[in-house]
Protein backbone atom coordinates (compact mmCIF):
# COMPACT_ATOMS: atom_id res chain seq x y z
CA MET A 1 -34.83 -144.84 -12.17
CA LEU A 2 -33.80 -147.60 -9.65
CA LYS A 3 -31.49 -146.35 -6.95
CA ILE A 4 -28.91 -148.94 -5.84
CA LEU A 5 -26.78 -149.05 -2.72
CA ILE A 6 -23.54 -151.10 -2.67
CA ALA A 7 -21.92 -152.48 0.44
CA ASP A 8 -18.73 -154.34 -0.12
CA ASP A 9 -15.29 -153.97 1.53
CA HIS A 10 -13.39 -154.53 -1.77
CA GLN A 11 -12.98 -151.35 -3.82
CA ILE A 12 -12.43 -153.25 -7.03
CA VAL A 13 -15.72 -155.09 -6.56
CA ARG A 14 -17.61 -151.86 -5.82
CA ARG A 15 -16.07 -150.21 -8.87
CA GLY A 16 -17.07 -153.12 -11.07
CA LEU A 17 -20.62 -153.16 -9.76
CA ARG A 18 -20.89 -149.40 -10.19
CA MET A 19 -19.68 -149.42 -13.79
CA THR A 20 -22.13 -152.28 -14.60
CA ILE A 21 -25.12 -150.66 -12.96
CA ASP A 22 -24.44 -147.00 -14.08
CA ALA A 23 -24.28 -148.25 -17.72
CA GLU A 24 -27.97 -149.06 -17.55
CA LYS A 25 -30.48 -146.39 -18.38
CA ASP A 26 -32.99 -147.41 -15.65
CA MET A 27 -30.72 -147.64 -12.66
CA LYS A 28 -27.85 -145.83 -10.84
CA VAL A 29 -25.64 -146.20 -7.82
CA VAL A 30 -26.55 -143.73 -5.14
CA GLY A 31 -24.12 -144.78 -2.42
CA GLU A 32 -21.33 -147.14 -1.52
CA SER A 33 -20.00 -148.52 1.74
CA ALA A 34 -16.92 -150.51 2.66
CA ASP A 35 -18.28 -151.30 6.18
CA GLY A 36 -21.60 -152.85 7.25
CA ALA A 37 -21.80 -150.44 10.22
CA GLU A 38 -22.46 -147.58 7.76
CA VAL A 39 -25.18 -149.17 5.67
CA LEU A 40 -28.30 -148.33 7.73
CA ALA A 41 -27.36 -144.63 7.79
CA LEU A 42 -26.75 -144.74 3.99
CA ILE A 43 -30.13 -146.37 3.44
CA GLN A 44 -31.88 -143.67 5.56
CA LYS A 45 -30.06 -140.94 3.58
CA HIS A 46 -30.45 -142.26 0.02
CA VAL A 47 -33.68 -144.45 0.26
CA PRO A 48 -32.43 -147.01 -2.30
CA ASN A 49 -34.70 -149.38 -4.22
CA VAL A 50 -32.25 -152.29 -3.88
CA VAL A 51 -29.28 -152.98 -1.66
CA LEU A 52 -26.29 -155.15 -2.69
CA LEU A 53 -24.70 -156.49 0.43
CA ASP A 54 -21.45 -158.46 0.88
CA LEU A 55 -21.43 -160.99 3.69
CA GLN A 56 -17.80 -160.55 4.66
CA MET A 57 -17.07 -156.98 5.82
CA PRO A 58 -15.03 -155.42 8.62
CA LYS A 59 -16.53 -154.07 11.86
CA GLN A 60 -19.96 -155.47 11.01
CA ASP A 61 -20.60 -158.38 8.66
CA GLY A 62 -23.50 -158.83 6.29
CA VAL A 63 -25.68 -160.94 8.58
CA SER A 64 -25.40 -158.42 11.45
CA THR A 65 -26.17 -155.70 9.04
CA LEU A 66 -29.29 -157.46 7.75
CA LYS A 67 -30.54 -157.89 11.31
CA GLN A 68 -29.98 -154.12 11.85
CA ILE A 69 -31.80 -153.10 8.64
CA ARG A 70 -34.86 -155.41 8.65
CA PRO A 71 -36.74 -153.82 11.61
CA ALA A 72 -36.50 -150.38 10.00
CA PHE A 73 -36.95 -151.51 6.34
CA PRO A 74 -38.90 -154.80 6.31
CA ASN A 75 -39.70 -154.61 2.60
CA LEU A 76 -36.43 -153.27 1.16
CA PRO A 77 -34.97 -155.82 -1.41
CA ILE A 78 -31.47 -156.82 -0.09
CA LEU A 79 -29.41 -159.02 -2.37
CA VAL A 80 -26.47 -160.81 -0.75
CA LEU A 81 -23.26 -161.01 -2.70
CA THR A 82 -21.30 -164.14 -2.08
CA SER A 83 -18.55 -166.23 -3.45
CA PHE A 84 -20.43 -169.28 -2.16
CA THR A 85 -17.69 -170.57 0.13
CA ASP A 86 -19.34 -170.28 3.55
CA ASP A 87 -22.60 -172.22 4.01
CA ALA A 88 -23.10 -171.09 7.54
CA HIS A 89 -23.15 -167.41 6.56
CA ILE A 90 -25.53 -168.04 3.65
CA PHE A 91 -28.02 -169.85 5.87
CA ALA A 92 -27.71 -167.13 8.53
CA ALA A 93 -28.34 -164.44 5.97
CA LEU A 94 -31.45 -166.17 4.76
CA ARG A 95 -32.78 -166.36 8.29
CA ALA A 96 -31.92 -162.72 8.80
CA GLY A 97 -34.10 -161.60 5.86
CA ALA A 98 -31.97 -161.64 2.68
CA SER A 99 -34.20 -161.11 -0.43
CA GLY A 100 -31.88 -163.23 -2.59
CA PHE A 101 -28.30 -164.47 -3.23
CA LEU A 102 -26.07 -163.52 -6.18
CA LEU A 103 -22.71 -165.04 -6.99
CA LYS A 104 -19.92 -162.52 -7.33
CA GLU A 105 -18.78 -164.39 -10.42
CA MET A 106 -22.15 -163.81 -12.30
CA GLY A 107 -22.10 -161.75 -15.55
CA GLY A 108 -23.24 -158.18 -15.82
CA ASP A 109 -26.46 -158.92 -17.68
CA GLU A 110 -27.48 -161.37 -14.88
CA LEU A 111 -26.70 -158.81 -12.29
CA VAL A 112 -28.84 -156.01 -13.70
CA GLU A 113 -31.77 -158.39 -14.41
CA ALA A 114 -31.53 -159.68 -10.75
CA ILE A 115 -31.65 -156.10 -9.53
CA ARG A 116 -34.70 -155.30 -11.70
CA GLY A 117 -36.42 -158.50 -10.46
CA ALA A 118 -35.65 -157.78 -6.81
CA ALA A 119 -37.06 -154.23 -7.25
CA LYS A 120 -40.37 -155.84 -8.44
CA GLY A 121 -40.50 -158.14 -5.34
CA ARG A 122 -39.25 -161.30 -7.04
CA PRO A 123 -36.97 -163.69 -5.11
CA GLN A 124 -33.52 -163.86 -6.61
CA LEU A 125 -31.74 -167.14 -6.08
CA HIS A 126 -28.86 -168.42 -8.19
CA PRO A 127 -29.76 -172.12 -8.92
CA ASP A 128 -26.45 -173.36 -7.43
CA ILE A 129 -27.20 -171.49 -4.17
CA ALA A 130 -30.78 -172.67 -4.17
CA ARG A 131 -29.63 -176.28 -4.46
CA LYS A 132 -27.27 -175.97 -1.55
CA LEU A 133 -29.85 -174.16 0.66
CA MET A 134 -32.43 -176.84 -0.05
CA ALA A 135 -29.94 -179.63 0.71
CA HIS A 136 -29.61 -178.34 4.25
CA ALA A 137 -33.25 -177.31 4.83
CA PRO A 138 -35.45 -179.36 7.24
CA MET A 139 -37.90 -181.77 5.54
CA PRO A 140 -41.39 -181.73 7.00
CA GLU A 141 -43.59 -184.46 5.65
CA ASP A 142 -45.97 -182.17 3.78
CA PRO A 143 -45.28 -178.45 4.25
CA PHE A 144 -48.25 -177.52 2.02
CA GLU A 145 -50.91 -179.58 3.78
CA SER A 146 -52.58 -176.53 5.34
CA LEU A 147 -52.62 -174.51 2.09
CA THR A 148 -55.75 -174.05 0.03
CA ALA A 149 -55.72 -174.78 -3.70
CA ARG A 150 -55.54 -171.07 -4.46
CA GLU A 151 -52.63 -170.59 -2.03
CA ARG A 152 -50.72 -173.45 -3.74
CA ASP A 153 -51.26 -171.85 -7.12
CA ILE A 154 -49.93 -168.56 -5.77
CA LEU A 155 -46.94 -170.29 -4.17
CA LYS A 156 -46.05 -171.90 -7.54
CA LEU A 157 -45.96 -168.47 -9.11
CA ILE A 158 -43.88 -167.08 -6.25
CA GLY A 159 -41.44 -169.95 -6.88
CA ARG A 160 -41.27 -168.95 -10.55
CA GLY A 161 -40.16 -165.44 -9.46
CA MET A 162 -43.44 -163.56 -10.15
CA SER A 163 -44.37 -160.38 -8.27
CA ASN A 164 -47.74 -159.76 -6.69
CA LYS A 165 -48.82 -157.67 -9.71
CA GLU A 166 -47.87 -160.41 -12.14
CA ILE A 167 -49.57 -163.07 -10.02
CA ALA A 168 -52.74 -160.88 -9.92
CA LEU A 169 -52.74 -160.61 -13.71
CA ALA A 170 -52.14 -164.35 -14.21
CA LEU A 171 -54.93 -165.40 -11.80
CA THR A 172 -57.36 -162.53 -12.56
CA LEU A 173 -57.30 -161.20 -8.98
CA THR A 174 -56.57 -157.81 -7.53
CA GLU A 175 -53.06 -157.10 -6.28
CA LEU A 176 -54.48 -156.53 -2.76
CA THR A 177 -56.05 -159.94 -2.76
CA VAL A 178 -52.80 -161.55 -3.79
CA LYS A 179 -51.03 -159.72 -1.10
CA GLY A 180 -53.44 -161.13 1.49
CA TYR A 181 -52.96 -164.68 0.12
CA VAL A 182 -49.17 -164.30 0.24
CA SER A 183 -49.30 -163.16 3.84
CA ASP A 184 -51.48 -166.11 4.78
CA LEU A 185 -49.36 -168.64 3.10
CA LEU A 186 -46.12 -167.44 4.54
CA ALA A 187 -47.69 -167.71 7.97
CA LYS A 188 -48.93 -171.18 7.29
CA LEU A 189 -45.59 -172.30 6.04
CA GLY A 190 -43.78 -170.75 8.95
CA VAL A 191 -41.28 -168.83 6.72
CA ASN A 192 -40.40 -165.12 6.94
CA ASP A 193 -40.44 -164.08 3.25
CA ARG A 194 -40.93 -165.00 -0.45
CA THR A 195 -37.38 -166.14 -0.85
CA GLN A 196 -37.81 -168.86 1.86
CA ALA A 197 -41.23 -169.80 0.38
CA ALA A 198 -39.75 -170.16 -3.07
CA LEU A 199 -37.09 -172.52 -1.71
CA LEU A 200 -39.84 -174.77 -0.28
CA ALA A 201 -41.78 -174.63 -3.58
CA VAL A 202 -38.73 -175.93 -5.42
CA ARG A 203 -37.60 -178.44 -2.85
CA TYR A 204 -41.06 -180.14 -2.81
CA GLY A 205 -41.44 -180.13 -6.59
CA LEU A 206 -44.00 -177.36 -7.16
CA VAL A 207 -41.48 -175.71 -9.52
CA ASN A 208 -38.12 -176.60 -10.96
CA VAL A 209 -34.97 -174.93 -9.59
CA GLU A 210 -34.16 -173.47 -13.01
CA GLU A 211 -37.44 -171.54 -12.93
CA LEU A 212 -36.36 -169.49 -9.86
């Protein structure tokens, strides 16, 4: 059973998310917050598998909340909820460690599949958001120059949304070996997480944006 925490200052949004999530047999909402300042304490209390985090909240916004959460929970999947109106906040959230971005207008089926994917360690990027993020990202001449052939193969699969376990099966490697490759290629690319690596893979043509 996947445990989901919702942080959004609009009650009607939280209610809609809860109804959609609780209707699924494999997930449930374990906590809600209307204020970013409460989120870390709720995570410590409920230990969720995935957090849905709004960017615009009173007292403490989503970006500040991400910066507070990441040192204590570096591997917790945090999906940012956005109406896609404020580029600056989206870029700041990516730098602060967001695991993915979901449009508030997305359908219920898309939402629950994104939650399941995030829980498995897959980057979750709506194609429209990915395009906008890539349009503003810096363009090094060849960001993959230092990668080995194997690391490039793994990066392609990360860009397609595969978890370490799925990559291990696809390449006939152990999951621990894949984890080591992922750590090395993130360091070589100078990015903080799989989501940022996936954006590079799409921007430079290793995978198509629709495959994210």
